[in-house]
Amino acid sequence: MKKVFSGLPAWLVQRFTAVWMLFFLVFVLLHMVLDRPGSYDEWHAWVSLPMVRFAAALFFLSMFLHAWVGLRDVLIDYVRVLPLRLALLAALALVLAGLALWAGQVLLHAGPAWEAR
C-alpha cells in the first residue's frame, strides 16, 4: 500500500503550501496597510472580488493540506499503538474536513450573490 504524501511528495506539499500561505498573508497585510478598508462594506467588497476569494480558497486548501501532512507525520512517528494512531488520524481528518467545509461556506457567502439578502 502506497502512502499518499509521503517522502519527497510530502516534503514538496509542505514547502509549496508554506510558500503560498506566506505569499497570501503578505498580500493581505500589504493590502491592509496600503489600501486599508474604512468600513465593513469596503472590506466585504474587497473580499468579494473573485480573485481574492480564489486566493483565499487556495490559502485555506494549502493550510489544511499543510496541517494534514505535518500532523499526520507527527502522529505516525510518535504514536506507536496502532488503534490509537488510527483513531487520532481519523479524528484529525474529521476536524480538518469540518474546518474546510466551514471555510468553504464562509467564502461562498462572501460572494456578491449573497449581498441581496
PDB file of N, CA and C in Angstrom:
ATOM      1  N   MET A   1       0.830  -1.185   0.000  1.00  0.00           N
ATOM      2  CA  MET A   1       0.000   0.000   0.000  1.00  0.00           C
ATOM      3  C   MET A   1       0.876   1.251   0.000  1.00  0.00           C
ATOM      4  N   LYS A   2       0.692   2.108  -0.992  1.00  0.00           N
ATOM      5  CA  LYS A   2       1.498   3.318  -1.106  1.00  0.00           C
ATOM      6  C   LYS A   2       0.861   4.444  -0.308  1.00  0.00           C
ATOM      7  N   LYS A   3       1.691   5.091   0.512  1.00  0.00           N
ATOM      8  CA  LYS A   3       1.190   6.212   1.299  1.00  0.00           C
ATOM      9  C   LYS A   3       1.091   7.451   0.412  1.00  0.00           C
ATOM     10  N   VAL A   4       0.004   8.186   0.579  1.00  0.00           N
ATOM     11  CA  VAL A   4      -0.165   9.437  -0.139  1.00  0.00           C
ATOM     12  C   VAL A   4       0.567  10.538   0.622  1.00  0.00           C
ATOM     13  N   PHE A   5       1.266  11.377  -0.085  1.00  0.00           N
ATOM     14  CA  PHE A   5       2.012  12.477   0.520  1.00  0.00           C
ATOM     15  C   PHE A   5       3.047  11.966   1.514  1.00  0.00           C
ATOM     16  N   SER A   6       3.858  11.002   1.095  1.00  0.00           N
ATOM     17  CA  SER A   6       4.954  10.557   1.952  1.00  0.00           C
ATOM     18  C   SER A   6       6.260  10.778   1.207  1.00  0.00           C
ATOM     19  N   GLY A   7       7.341  10.903   1.952  1.00  0.00           N
ATOM     20  CA  GLY A   7       8.649  11.102   1.353  1.00  0.00           C
ATOM     21  C   GLY A   7       8.753  12.453   0.662  1.00  0.00           C
ATOM     22  N   LEU A   8       9.321  12.440  -0.549  1.00  0.00           N
ATOM     23  CA  LEU A   8       9.514  13.674  -1.312  1.00  0.00           C
ATOM     24  C   LEU A   8       8.198  14.385  -1.633  1.00  0.00           C
ATOM     25  N   PRO A   9       7.134  13.674  -2.040  1.00  0.00           N
ATOM     26  CA  PRO A   9       5.869  14.392  -2.269  1.00  0.00           C
ATOM     27  C   PRO A   9       5.369  15.133  -1.030  1.00  0.00           C
ATOM     28  N   ALA A  10       5.512  14.534   0.146  1.00  0.00           N
ATOM     29  CA  ALA A  10       5.089  15.208   1.382  1.00  0.00           C
ATOM     30  C   ALA A  10       5.936  16.444   1.628  1.00  0.00           C
ATOM     31  N   TRP A  11       7.222  16.326   1.408  1.00  0.00           N
ATOM     32  CA  TRP A  11       8.127  17.459   1.590  1.00  0.00           C
ATOM     33  C   TRP A  11       7.749  18.586   0.631  1.00  0.00           C
ATOM     34  N   LEU A  12       7.462  18.241  -0.618  1.00  0.00           N
ATOM     35  CA  LEU A  12       7.080  19.253  -1.606  1.00  0.00           C
ATOM     36  C   LEU A  12       5.743  19.912  -1.245  1.00  0.00           C
ATOM     37  N   VAL A  13       4.784  19.114  -0.784  1.00  0.00           N
ATOM     38  CA  VAL A  13       3.498  19.676  -0.366  1.00  0.00           C
ATOM     39  C   VAL A  13       3.728  20.660   0.773  1.00  0.00           C
ATOM     40  N   GLN A  14       4.528  20.289   1.757  1.00  0.00           N
ATOM     41  CA  GLN A  14       4.803  21.188   2.876  1.00  0.00           C
ATOM     42  C   GLN A  14       5.432  22.494   2.395  1.00  0.00           C
ATOM     43  N   ARG A  15       6.394  22.402   1.491  1.00  0.00           N
ATOM     44  CA  ARG A  15       7.101  23.613   1.043  1.00  0.00           C
ATOM     45  C   ARG A  15       6.214  24.492   0.178  1.00  0.00           C
ATOM     46  N   PHE A  16       5.507  23.906  -0.789  1.00  0.00           N
ATOM     47  CA  PHE A  16       4.669  24.712  -1.675  1.00  0.00           C
ATOM     48  C   PHE A  16       3.510  25.357  -0.910  1.00  0.00           C
ATOM     49  N   THR A  17       2.905  24.622   0.001  1.00  0.00           N
ATOM     50  CA  THR A  17       1.806  25.208   0.765  1.00  0.00           C
ATOM     51  C   THR A  17       2.317  26.313   1.690  1.00  0.00           C
ATOM     52  N   ALA A  18       3.497  26.123   2.276  1.00  0.00           N
ATOM     53  CA  ALA A  18       4.066  27.166   3.138  1.00  0.00           C
ATOM     54  C   ALA A  18       4.354  28.428   2.343  1.00  0.00           C
ATOM     55  N   VAL A  19       4.889  28.271   1.133  1.00  0.00           N
ATOM     56  CA  VAL A  19       5.194  29.436   0.290  1.00  0.00           C
ATOM     57  C   VAL A  19       3.902  30.157  -0.092  1.00  0.00           C
ATOM     58  N   TRP A  20       2.860  29.411  -0.488  1.00  0.00           N
ATOM     59  CA  TRP A  20       1.607  30.067  -0.863  1.00  0.00           C
ATOM     60  C   TRP A  20       0.983  30.790   0.328  1.00  0.00           C
ATOM     61  N   MET A  21       0.993  30.154   1.508  1.00  0.00           N
ATOM     62  CA  MET A  21       0.412  30.802   2.684  1.00  0.00           C
ATOM     63  C   MET A  21       1.169  32.082   3.026  1.00  0.00           C
ATOM     64  N   LEU A  22       2.495  32.047   2.936  1.00  0.00           N
ATOM     65  CA  LEU A  22       3.292  33.251   3.193  1.00  0.00           C
ATOM     66  C   LEU A  22       2.961  34.334   2.174  1.00  0.00           C
ATOM     67  N   PHE A  23       2.909  33.968   0.897  1.00  0.00           N
ATOM     68  CA  PHE A  23       2.580  34.928  -0.163  1.00  0.00           C
ATOM     69  C   PHE A  23       1.220  35.561   0.099  1.00  0.00           C
ATOM     70  N   PHE A  24       0.223  34.757   0.409  1.00  0.00           N
ATOM     71  CA  PHE A  24      -1.125  35.267   0.635  1.00  0.00           C
ATOM     72  C   PHE A  24      -1.177  36.191   1.851  1.00  0.00           C
ATOM     73  N   LEU A  25      -0.535  35.796   2.945  1.00  0.00           N
ATOM     74  CA  LEU A  25      -0.539  36.631   4.144  1.00  0.00           C
ATOM     75  C   LEU A  25       0.151  37.970   3.907  1.00  0.00           C
ATOM     76  N   VAL A  26       1.258  37.959   3.165  1.00  0.00           N
ATOM     77  CA  VAL A  26       1.936  39.218   2.819  1.00  0.00           C
ATOM     78  C   VAL A  26       1.028  40.068   1.939  1.00  0.00           C
ATOM     79  N   PHE A  27       0.348  39.445   0.986  1.00  0.00           N
ATOM     80  CA  PHE A  27      -0.596  40.155   0.117  1.00  0.00           C
ATOM     81  C   PHE A  27      -1.699  40.824   0.936  1.00  0.00           C
ATOM     82  N   VAL A  28      -2.294  40.099   1.868  1.00  0.00           N
ATOM     83  CA  VAL A  28      -3.371  40.652   2.695  1.00  0.00           C
ATOM     84  C   VAL A  28      -2.840  41.772   3.586  1.00  0.00           C
ATOM     85  N   LEU A  29      -1.677  41.552   4.214  1.00  0.00           N
ATOM     86  CA  LEU A  29      -1.112  42.585   5.078  1.00  0.00           C
ATOM     87  C   LEU A  29      -0.774  43.848   4.290  1.00  0.00           C
ATOM     88  N   LEU A  30      -0.190  43.687   3.104  1.00  0.00           N
ATOM     89  CA  LEU A  30       0.109  44.851   2.271  1.00  0.00           C
ATOM     90  C   LEU A  30      -1.164  45.582   1.867  1.00  0.00           C
ATOM     91  N   HIS A  31      -2.188  44.836   1.524  1.00  0.00           N
ATOM     92  CA  HIS A  31      -3.458  45.473   1.172  1.00  0.00           C
ATOM     93  C   HIS A  31      -4.007  46.260   2.360  1.00  0.00           C
ATOM     94  N   MET A  32      -3.939  45.680   3.550  1.00  0.00           N
ATOM     95  CA  MET A  32      -4.474  46.352   4.730  1.00  0.00           C
ATOM     96  C   MET A  32      -3.654  47.595   5.091  1.00  0.00           C
ATOM     97  N   VAL A  33      -2.374  47.577   4.795  1.00  0.00           N
ATOM     98  CA  VAL A  33      -1.536  48.739   5.103  1.00  0.00           C
ATOM     99  C   VAL A  33      -1.683  49.815   4.020  1.00  0.00           C
ATOM    100  N   LEU A  34      -1.650  49.411   2.757  1.00  0.00           N
ATOM    101  CA  LEU A  34      -1.641  50.379   1.657  1.00  0.00           C
ATOM    102  C   LEU A  34      -3.025  50.869   1.253  1.00  0.00           C
ATOM    103  N   ASP A  35      -4.036  50.040   1.404  1.00  0.00           N
ATOM    104  CA  ASP A  35      -5.386  50.415   0.987  1.00  0.00           C
ATOM    105  C   ASP A  35      -6.386  49.935   2.034  1.00  0.00           C
ATOM    106  N   ARG A  36      -6.189  50.431   3.234  1.00  0.00           N
ATOM    107  CA  ARG A  36      -6.992  49.963   4.376  1.00  0.00           C
ATOM    108  C   ARG A  36      -8.479  50.252   4.153  1.00  0.00           C
ATOM    109  N   PRO A  37      -9.313  49.216   4.278  1.00  0.00           N
ATOM    110  CA  PRO A  37     -10.754  49.446   4.159  1.00  0.00           C
ATOM    111  C   PRO A  37     -11.249  50.312   5.315  1.00  0.00           C
ATOM    112  N   GLY A  38     -12.065  51.299   4.984  1.00  0.00           N
ATOM    113  CA  GLY A  38     -12.558  52.204   6.007  1.00  0.00           C
ATOM    114  C   GLY A  38     -13.817  51.722   6.700  1.00  0.00           C
ATOM    115  N   SER A  39     -14.454  50.706   6.127  1.00  0.00           N
ATOM    116  CA  SER A  39     -15.692  50.208   6.708  1.00  0.00           C
ATOM    117  C   SER A  39     -15.834  48.725   6.386  1.00  0.00           C
ATOM    118  N   TYR A  40     -16.807  48.111   7.023  1.00  0.00           N
ATOM    119  CA  TYR A  40     -17.088  46.708   6.740  1.00  0.00           C
ATOM    120  C   TYR A  40     -17.480  46.518   5.280  1.00  0.00           C
ATOM    121  N   ASP A  41     -18.270  47.436   4.739  1.00  0.00           N
ATOM    122  CA  ASP A  41     -18.712  47.311   3.345  1.00  0.00           C
ATOM    123  C   ASP A  41     -17.541  47.343   2.369  1.00  0.00           C
ATOM    124  N   GLU A  42     -16.550  48.210   2.628  1.00  0.00           N
ATOM    125  CA  GLU A  42     -15.356  48.244   1.774  1.00  0.00           C
ATOM    126  C   GLU A  42     -14.567  46.948   1.892  1.00  0.00           C
ATOM    127  N   TRP A  43     -14.422  46.452   3.122  1.00  0.00           N
ATOM    128  CA  TRP A  43     -13.709  45.193   3.331  1.00  0.00           C
ATOM    129  C   TRP A  43     -14.450  44.050   2.636  1.00  0.00           C
ATOM    130  N   HIS A  44     -15.763  44.017   2.777  1.00  0.00           N
ATOM    131  CA  HIS A  44     -16.568  42.959   2.166  1.00  0.00           C
ATOM    132  C   HIS A  44     -16.477  43.019   0.643  1.00  0.00           C
ATOM    133  N   ALA A  45     -16.486  44.230   0.088  1.00  0.00           N
ATOM    134  CA  ALA A  45     -16.364  44.373  -1.365  1.00  0.00           C
ATOM    135  C   ALA A  45     -15.018  43.828  -1.843  1.00  0.00           C
ATOM    136  N   TRP A  46     -13.957  44.067  -1.081  1.00  0.00           N
ATOM    137  CA  TRP A  46     -12.641  43.561  -1.472  1.00  0.00           C
ATOM    138  C   TRP A  46     -12.597  42.035  -1.375  1.00  0.00           C
ATOM    139  N   VAL A  47     -13.111  41.501  -0.283  1.00  0.00           N
ATOM    140  CA  VAL A  47     -13.104  40.041  -0.105  1.00  0.00           C
ATOM    141  C   VAL A  47     -14.008  39.371  -1.139  1.00  0.00           C
ATOM    142  N   SER A  48     -15.024  40.065  -1.612  1.00  0.00           N
ATOM    143  CA  SER A  48     -15.957  39.500  -2.590  1.00  0.00           C
ATOM    144  C   SER A  48     -15.379  39.428  -4.000  1.00  0.00           C
ATOM    145  N   LEU A  49     -14.260  40.090  -4.239  1.00  0.00           N
ATOM    146  CA  LEU A  49     -13.647  40.013  -5.573  1.00  0.00           C
ATOM    147  C   LEU A  49     -13.288  38.567  -5.885  1.00  0.00           C
ATOM    148  N   PRO A  50     -13.610  38.100  -7.091  1.00  0.00           N
ATOM    149  CA  PRO A  50     -13.355  36.689  -7.417  1.00  0.00           C
ATOM    150  C   PRO A  50     -11.908  36.251  -7.214  1.00  0.00           C
ATOM    151  N   MET A  51     -10.955  37.096  -7.577  1.00  0.00           N
ATOM    152  CA  MET A  51      -9.550  36.688  -7.430  1.00  0.00           C
ATOM    153  C   MET A  51      -9.145  36.604  -5.954  1.00  0.00           C
ATOM    154  N   VAL A  52      -9.680  37.491  -5.126  1.00  0.00           N
ATOM    155  CA  VAL A  52      -9.366  37.441  -3.691  1.00  0.00           C
ATOM    156  C   VAL A  52      -9.991  36.191  -3.078  1.00  0.00           C
ATOM    157  N   ARG A  53     -11.236  35.905  -3.458  1.00  0.00           N
ATOM    158  CA  ARG A  53     -11.883  34.687  -2.942  1.00  0.00           C
ATOM    159  C   ARG A  53     -11.133  33.438  -3.399  1.00  0.00           C
ATOM    160  N   PHE A  54     -10.695  33.415  -4.661  1.00  0.00           N
ATOM    161  CA  PHE A  54      -9.930  32.273  -5.177  1.00  0.00           C
ATOM    162  C   PHE A  54      -8.612  32.127  -4.418  1.00  0.00           C
ATOM    163  N   ALA A  55      -7.909  33.250  -4.210  1.00  0.00           N
ATOM    164  CA  ALA A  55      -6.637  33.210  -3.480  1.00  0.00           C
ATOM    165  C   ALA A  55      -6.863  32.753  -2.040  1.00  0.00           C
ATOM    166  N   ALA A  56      -7.961  33.208  -1.426  1.00  0.00           N
ATOM    167  CA  ALA A  56      -8.267  32.784  -0.057  1.00  0.00           C
ATOM    168  C   ALA A  56      -8.606  31.300  -0.023  1.00  0.00           C
ATOM    169  N   ALA A  57      -9.341  30.823  -1.023  1.00  0.00           N
ATOM    170  CA  ALA A  57      -9.661  29.393  -1.093  1.00  0.00           C
ATOM    171  C   ALA A  57      -8.381  28.564  -1.209  1.00  0.00           C
ATOM    172  N   LEU A  58      -7.443  29.024  -2.034  1.00  0.00           N
ATOM    173  CA  LEU A  58      -6.153  28.325  -2.147  1.00  0.00           C
ATOM    174  C   LEU A  58      -5.377  28.391  -0.831  1.00  0.00           C
ATOM    175  N   PHE A  59      -5.496  29.517  -0.130  1.00  0.00           N
ATOM    176  CA  PHE A  59      -4.842  29.642   1.170  1.00  0.00           C
ATOM    177  C   PHE A  59      -5.380  28.591   2.137  1.00  0.00           C
ATOM    178  N   PHE A  60      -6.709  28.499   2.227  1.00  0.00           N
ATOM    179  CA  PHE A  60      -7.290  27.532   3.163  1.00  0.00           C
ATOM    180  C   PHE A  60      -6.983  26.096   2.752  1.00  0.00           C
ATOM    181  N   LEU A  61      -7.050  25.803   1.455  1.00  0.00           N
ATOM    182  CA  LEU A  61      -6.684  24.463   0.990  1.00  0.00           C
ATOM    183  C   LEU A  61      -5.235  24.155   1.351  1.00  0.00           C
ATOM    184  N   SER A  62      -4.358  25.121   1.132  1.00  0.00           N
ATOM    185  CA  SER A  62      -2.949  24.943   1.481  1.00  0.00           C
ATOM    186  C   SER A  62      -2.772  24.727   2.976  1.00  0.00           C
ATOM    187  N   MET A  63      -3.505  25.506   3.774  1.00  0.00           N
ATOM    188  CA  MET A  63      -3.383  25.382   5.224  1.00  0.00           C
ATOM    189  C   MET A  63      -3.818  23.993   5.692  1.00  0.00           C
ATOM    190  N   PHE A  64      -4.923  23.488   5.133  1.00  0.00           N
ATOM    191  CA  PHE A  64      -5.408  22.179   5.562  1.00  0.00           C
ATOM    192  C   PHE A  64      -4.486  21.052   5.080  1.00  0.00           C
ATOM    193  N   LEU A  65      -3.966  21.158   3.857  1.00  0.00           N
ATOM    194  CA  LEU A  65      -3.002  20.155   3.386  1.00  0.00           C
ATOM    195  C   LEU A  65      -1.730  20.197   4.227  1.00  0.00           C
ATOM    196  N   HIS A  66      -1.254  21.395   4.510  1.00  0.00           N
ATOM    197  CA  HIS A  66      -0.046  21.574   5.305  1.00  0.00           C
ATOM    198  C   HIS A  66      -0.235  20.960   6.697  1.00  0.00           C
ATOM    199  N   ALA A  67      -1.384  21.246   7.302  1.00  0.00           N
ATOM    200  CA  ALA A  67      -1.672  20.692   8.628  1.00  0.00           C
ATOM    201  C   ALA A  67      -1.795  19.177   8.578  1.00  0.00           C
ATOM    202  N   TRP A  68      -2.467  18.651   7.556  1.00  0.00           N
ATOM    203  CA  TRP A  68      -2.639  17.203   7.451  1.00  0.00           C
ATOM    204  C   TRP A  68      -1.289  16.502   7.348  1.00  0.00           C
ATOM    205  N   VAL A  69      -0.444  16.954   6.438  1.00  0.00           N
ATOM    206  CA  VAL A  69       0.847  16.286   6.234  1.00  0.00           C
ATOM    207  C   VAL A  69       1.705  16.393   7.497  1.00  0.00           C
ATOM    208  N   GLY A  70       1.772  17.574   8.084  1.00  0.00           N
ATOM    209  CA  GLY A  70       2.614  17.760   9.269  1.00  0.00           C
ATOM    210  C   GLY A  70       2.128  16.978  10.469  1.00  0.00           C
ATOM    211  N   LEU A  71       0.843  17.105  10.773  1.00  0.00           N
ATOM    212  CA  LEU A  71       0.313  16.405  11.955  1.00  0.00           C
ATOM    213  C   LEU A  71       0.242  14.899  11.733  1.00  0.00           C
ATOM    214  N   ARG A  72      -0.047  14.480  10.508  1.00  0.00           N
ATOM    215  CA  ARG A  72      -0.051  13.052  10.216  1.00  0.00           C
ATOM    216  C   ARG A  72       1.333  12.454  10.457  1.00  0.00           C
ATOM    217  N   ASP A  73       2.377  13.157  10.005  1.00  0.00           N
ATOM    218  CA  ASP A  73       3.732  12.646  10.214  1.00  0.00           C
ATOM    219  C   ASP A  73       4.087  12.582  11.699  1.00  0.00           C
ATOM    220  N   VAL A  74       3.661  13.586  12.472  1.00  0.00           N
ATOM    221  CA  VAL A  74       3.923  13.564  13.912  1.00  0.00           C
ATOM    222  C   VAL A  74       3.215  12.373  14.555  1.00  0.00           C
ATOM    223  N   LEU A  75       1.943  12.158  14.194  1.00  0.00           N
ATOM    224  CA  LEU A  75       1.205  11.029  14.777  1.00  0.00           C
ATOM    225  C   LEU A  75       1.827   9.693  14.370  1.00  0.00           C
ATOM    226  N   ILE A  76       2.217   9.552  13.110  1.00  0.00           N
ATOM    227  CA  ILE A  76       2.826   8.297  12.658  1.00  0.00           C
ATOM    228  C   ILE A  76       4.149   8.049  13.373  1.00  0.00           C
ATOM    229  N   ASP A  77       4.924   9.124  13.588  1.00  0.00           N
ATOM    230  CA  ASP A  77       6.237   8.969  14.218  1.00  0.00           C
ATOM    231  C   ASP A  77       6.162   8.701  15.721  1.00  0.00           C
ATOM    232  N   TYR A  78       5.188   9.292  16.419  1.00  0.00           N
ATOM    233  CA  TYR A  78       5.221   9.259  17.872  1.00  0.00           C
ATOM    234  C   TYR A  78       4.129   8.451  18.537  1.00  0.00           C
ATOM    235  N   VAL A  79       3.074   8.099  17.826  1.00  0.00           N
ATOM    236  CA  VAL A  79       2.022   7.271  18.424  1.00  0.00           C
ATOM    237  C   VAL A  79       2.232   5.842  17.923  1.00  0.00           C
ATOM    238  N   ARG A  80       2.748   4.996  18.800  1.00  0.00           N
ATOM    239  CA  ARG A  80       3.129   3.638  18.414  1.00  0.00           C
ATOM    240  C   ARG A  80       1.968   2.646  18.461  1.00  0.00           C
ATOM    241  N   VAL A  81       0.967   2.895  19.282  1.00  0.00           N
ATOM    242  CA  VAL A  81      -0.166   1.976  19.407  1.00  0.00           C
ATOM    243  C   VAL A  81      -1.065   2.183  18.198  1.00  0.00           C
ATOM    244  N   LEU A  82      -1.154   1.165  17.332  1.00  0.00           N
ATOM    245  CA  LEU A  82      -1.842   1.315  16.051  1.00  0.00           C
ATOM    246  C   LEU A  82      -3.308   1.734  16.176  1.00  0.00           C
ATOM    247  N   PRO A  83      -4.112   1.118  17.042  1.00  0.00           N
ATOM    248  CA  PRO A  83      -5.516   1.559  17.129  1.00  0.00           C
ATOM    249  C   PRO A  83      -5.648   3.030  17.561  1.00  0.00           C
ATOM    250  N   LEU A  84      -4.801   3.465  18.482  1.00  0.00           N
ATOM    251  CA  LEU A  84      -4.827   4.855  18.920  1.00  0.00           C
ATOM    252  C   LEU A  84      -4.394   5.781  17.781  1.00  0.00           C
ATOM    253  N   ARG A  85      -3.345   5.380  17.063  1.00  0.00           N
ATOM    254  CA  ARG A  85      -2.867   6.189  15.938  1.00  0.00           C
ATOM    255  C   ARG A  85      -3.963   6.337  14.894  1.00  0.00           C
ATOM    256  N   LEU A  86      -4.636   5.239  14.555  1.00  0.00           N
ATOM    257  CA  LEU A  86      -5.703   5.297  13.556  1.00  0.00           C
ATOM    258  C   LEU A  86      -6.869   6.168  14.030  1.00  0.00           C
ATOM    259  N   ALA A  87      -7.198   6.068  15.312  1.00  0.00           N
ATOM    260  CA  ALA A  87      -8.283   6.893  15.862  1.00  0.00           C
ATOM    261  C   ALA A  87      -7.902   8.374  15.812  1.00  0.00           C
ATOM    262  N   LEU A  88      -6.663   8.688  16.172  1.00  0.00           N
ATOM    263  CA  LEU A  88      -6.219  10.079  16.129  1.00  0.00           C
ATOM    264  C   LEU A  88      -6.158  10.604  14.696  1.00  0.00           C
ATOM    265  N   LEU A  89      -5.710   9.775  13.764  1.00  0.00           N
ATOM    266  CA  LEU A  89      -5.682  10.192  12.354  1.00  0.00           C
ATOM    267  C   LEU A  89      -7.103  10.428  11.827  1.00  0.00           C
ATOM    268  N   ALA A  90      -8.029   9.555  12.211  1.00  0.00           N
ATOM    269  CA  ALA A  90      -9.425   9.737  11.789  1.00  0.00           C
ATOM    270  C   ALA A  90     -10.007  11.010  12.390  1.00  0.00           C
ATOM    271  N   ALA A  91      -9.718  11.267  13.668  1.00  0.00           N
ATOM    272  CA  ALA A  91     -10.212  12.489  14.313  1.00  0.00           C
ATOM    273  C   ALA A  91      -9.611  13.727  13.644  1.00  0.00           C
ATOM    274  N   LEU A  92      -8.329  13.663  13.343  1.00  0.00           N
ATOM    275  CA  LEU A  92      -7.674  14.777  12.654  1.00  0.00           C
ATOM    276  C   LEU A  92      -8.307  15.015  11.285  1.00  0.00           C
ATOM    277  N   ALA A  93      -8.546  13.943  10.549  1.00  0.00           N
ATOM    278  CA  ALA A  93      -9.171  14.076   9.227  1.00  0.00           C
ATOM    279  C   ALA A  93     -10.564  14.679   9.343  1.00  0.00           C
ATOM    280  N   LEU A  94     -11.337  14.254  10.328  1.00  0.00           N
ATOM    281  CA  LEU A  94     -12.682  14.810  10.517  1.00  0.00           C
ATOM    282  C   LEU A  94     -12.637  16.289  10.887  1.00  0.00           C
ATOM    283  N   VAL A  95     -11.745  16.645  11.781  1.00  0.00           N
ATOM    284  CA  VAL A  95     -11.629  18.052  12.187  1.00  0.00           C
ATOM    285  C   VAL A  95     -11.211  18.907  10.999  1.00  0.00           C
ATOM    286  N   LEU A  96     -10.199  18.477  10.257  1.00  0.00           N
ATOM    287  CA  LEU A  96      -9.741  19.265   9.110  1.00  0.00           C
ATOM    288  C   LEU A  96     -10.807  19.344   8.020  1.00  0.00           C
ATOM    289  N   ALA A  97     -11.536  18.249   7.795  1.00  0.00           N
ATOM    290  CA  ALA A  97     -12.617  18.276   6.806  1.00  0.00           C
ATOM    291  C   ALA A  97     -13.724  19.227   7.239  1.00  0.00           C
ATOM    292  N   GLY A  98     -14.070  19.202   8.524  1.00  0.00           N
ATOM    293  CA  GLY A  98     -15.081  20.126   9.037  1.00  0.00           C
ATOM    294  C   GLY A  98     -14.653  21.577   8.906  1.00  0.00           C
ATOM    295  N   LEU A  99     -13.397  21.854   9.224  1.00  0.00           N
ATOM    296  CA  LEU A  99     -12.885  23.210   9.077  1.00  0.00           C
ATOM    297  C   LEU A  99     -12.852  23.634   7.613  1.00  0.00           C
ATOM    298  N   ALA A 100     -12.521  22.701   6.728  1.00  0.00           N
ATOM    299  CA  ALA A 100     -12.510  23.016   5.293  1.00  0.00           C
ATOM    300  C   ALA A 100     -13.916  23.337   4.793  1.00  0.00           C
ATOM    301  N   LEU A 101     -14.898  22.575   5.236  1.00  0.00           N
ATOM    302  CA  LEU A 101     -16.280  22.861   4.849  1.00  0.00           C
ATOM    303  C   LEU A 101     -16.727  24.221   5.379  1.00  0.00           C
ATOM    304  N   TRP A 102     -16.351  24.523   6.607  1.00  0.00           N
ATOM    305  CA  TRP A 102     -16.707  25.809   7.197  1.00  0.00           C
ATOM    306  C   TRP A 102     -16.049  26.960   6.422  1.00  0.00           C
ATOM    307  N   ALA A 103     -14.756  26.820   6.109  1.00  0.00           N
ATOM    308  CA  ALA A 103     -14.056  27.862   5.351  1.00  0.00           C
ATOM    309  C   ALA A 103     -14.684  28.023   3.965  1.00  0.00           C
ATOM    310  N   GLY A 104     -15.052  26.914   3.335  1.00  0.00           N
ATOM    311  CA  GLY A 104     -15.711  26.991   2.037  1.00  0.00           C
ATOM    312  C   GLY A 104     -17.035  27.710   2.119  1.00  0.00           C
ATOM    313  N   GLN A 105     -17.798  27.447   3.178  1.00  0.00           N
ATOM    314  CA  GLN A 105     -19.085  28.113   3.357  1.00  0.00           C
ATOM    315  C   GLN A 105     -18.884  29.612   3.564  1.00  0.00           C
ATOM    316  N   VAL A 106     -17.891  29.990   4.335  1.00  0.00           N
ATOM    317  CA  VAL A 106     -17.605  31.408   4.555  1.00  0.00           C
ATOM    318  C   VAL A 106     -17.249  32.081   3.240  1.00  0.00           C
ATOM    319  N   LEU A 107     -16.400  31.444   2.447  1.00  0.00           N
ATOM    320  CA  LEU A 107     -16.001  32.041   1.167  1.00  0.00           C
ATOM    321  C   LEU A 107     -17.160  32.114   0.188  1.00  0.00           C
ATOM    322  N   LEU A 108     -18.025  31.110   0.190  1.00  0.00           N
ATOM    323  CA  LEU A 108     -19.194  31.159  -0.693  1.00  0.00           C
ATOM    324  C   LEU A 108     -20.149  32.278  -0.287  1.00  0.00           C
ATOM    325  N   HIS A 109     -20.290  32.498   1.009  1.00  0.00           N
ATOM    326  CA  HIS A 109     -21.193  33.546   1.481  1.00  0.00           C
ATOM    327  C   HIS A 109     -20.589  34.939   1.327  1.00  0.00           C
ATOM    328  N   ALA A 110     -19.306  35.023   1.016  1.00  0.00           N
ATOM    329  CA  ALA A 110     -18.672  36.326   0.824  1.00  0.00           C
ATOM    330  C   ALA A 110     -18.935  36.876  -0.566  1.00  0.00           C
ATOM    331  N   GLY A 111     -19.503  36.062  -1.435  1.00  0.00           N
ATOM    332  CA  GLY A 111     -19.705  36.475  -2.815  1.00  0.00           C
ATOM    333  C   GLY A 111     -20.842  37.450  -3.003  1.00  0.00           C
ATOM    334  N   PRO A 112     -20.890  38.097  -4.152  1.00  0.00           N
ATOM    335  CA  PRO A 112     -21.911  39.098  -4.422  1.00  0.00           C
ATOM    336  C   PRO A 112     -23.328  38.531  -4.467  1.00  0.00           C
ATOM    337  N   ALA A 113     -23.505  37.244  -4.731  1.00  0.00           N
ATOM    338  CA  ALA A 113     -24.849  36.661  -4.790  1.00  0.00           C
ATOM    339  C   ALA A 113     -25.530  36.708  -3.430  1.00  0.00           C
ATOM    340  N   TRP A 114     -24.760  36.761  -2.363  1.00  0.00           N
ATOM    341  CA  TRP A 114     -25.335  36.736  -1.018  1.00  0.00           C
ATOM    342  C   TRP A 114     -25.605  38.138  -0.487  1.00  0.00           C
ATOM    343  N   GLU A 115     -25.190  39.158  -1.224  1.00  0.00           N
ATOM    344  CA  GLU A 115     -25.383  40.523  -0.746  1.00  0.00           C
ATOM    345  C   GLU A 115     -26.825  40.971  -0.805  1.00  0.00           C
ATOM    346  N   ALA A 116     -27.650  40.345  -1.624  1.00  0.00           N
ATOM    347  CA  ALA A 116     -29.046  40.760  -1.807  1.00  0.00           C
ATOM    348  C   ALA A 116     -29.948  40.284  -0.676  1.00  0.00           C
ATOM    349  N   ARG A 117     -29.401  39.546   0.290  1.00  0.00           N
ATOM    350  CA  ARG A 117     -30.214  39.011   1.388  1.00  0.00           C
ATOM    351  C   ARG A 117     -30.949  40.050   2.102  1.00  0.00           C
TER     352      ARG A 117
END
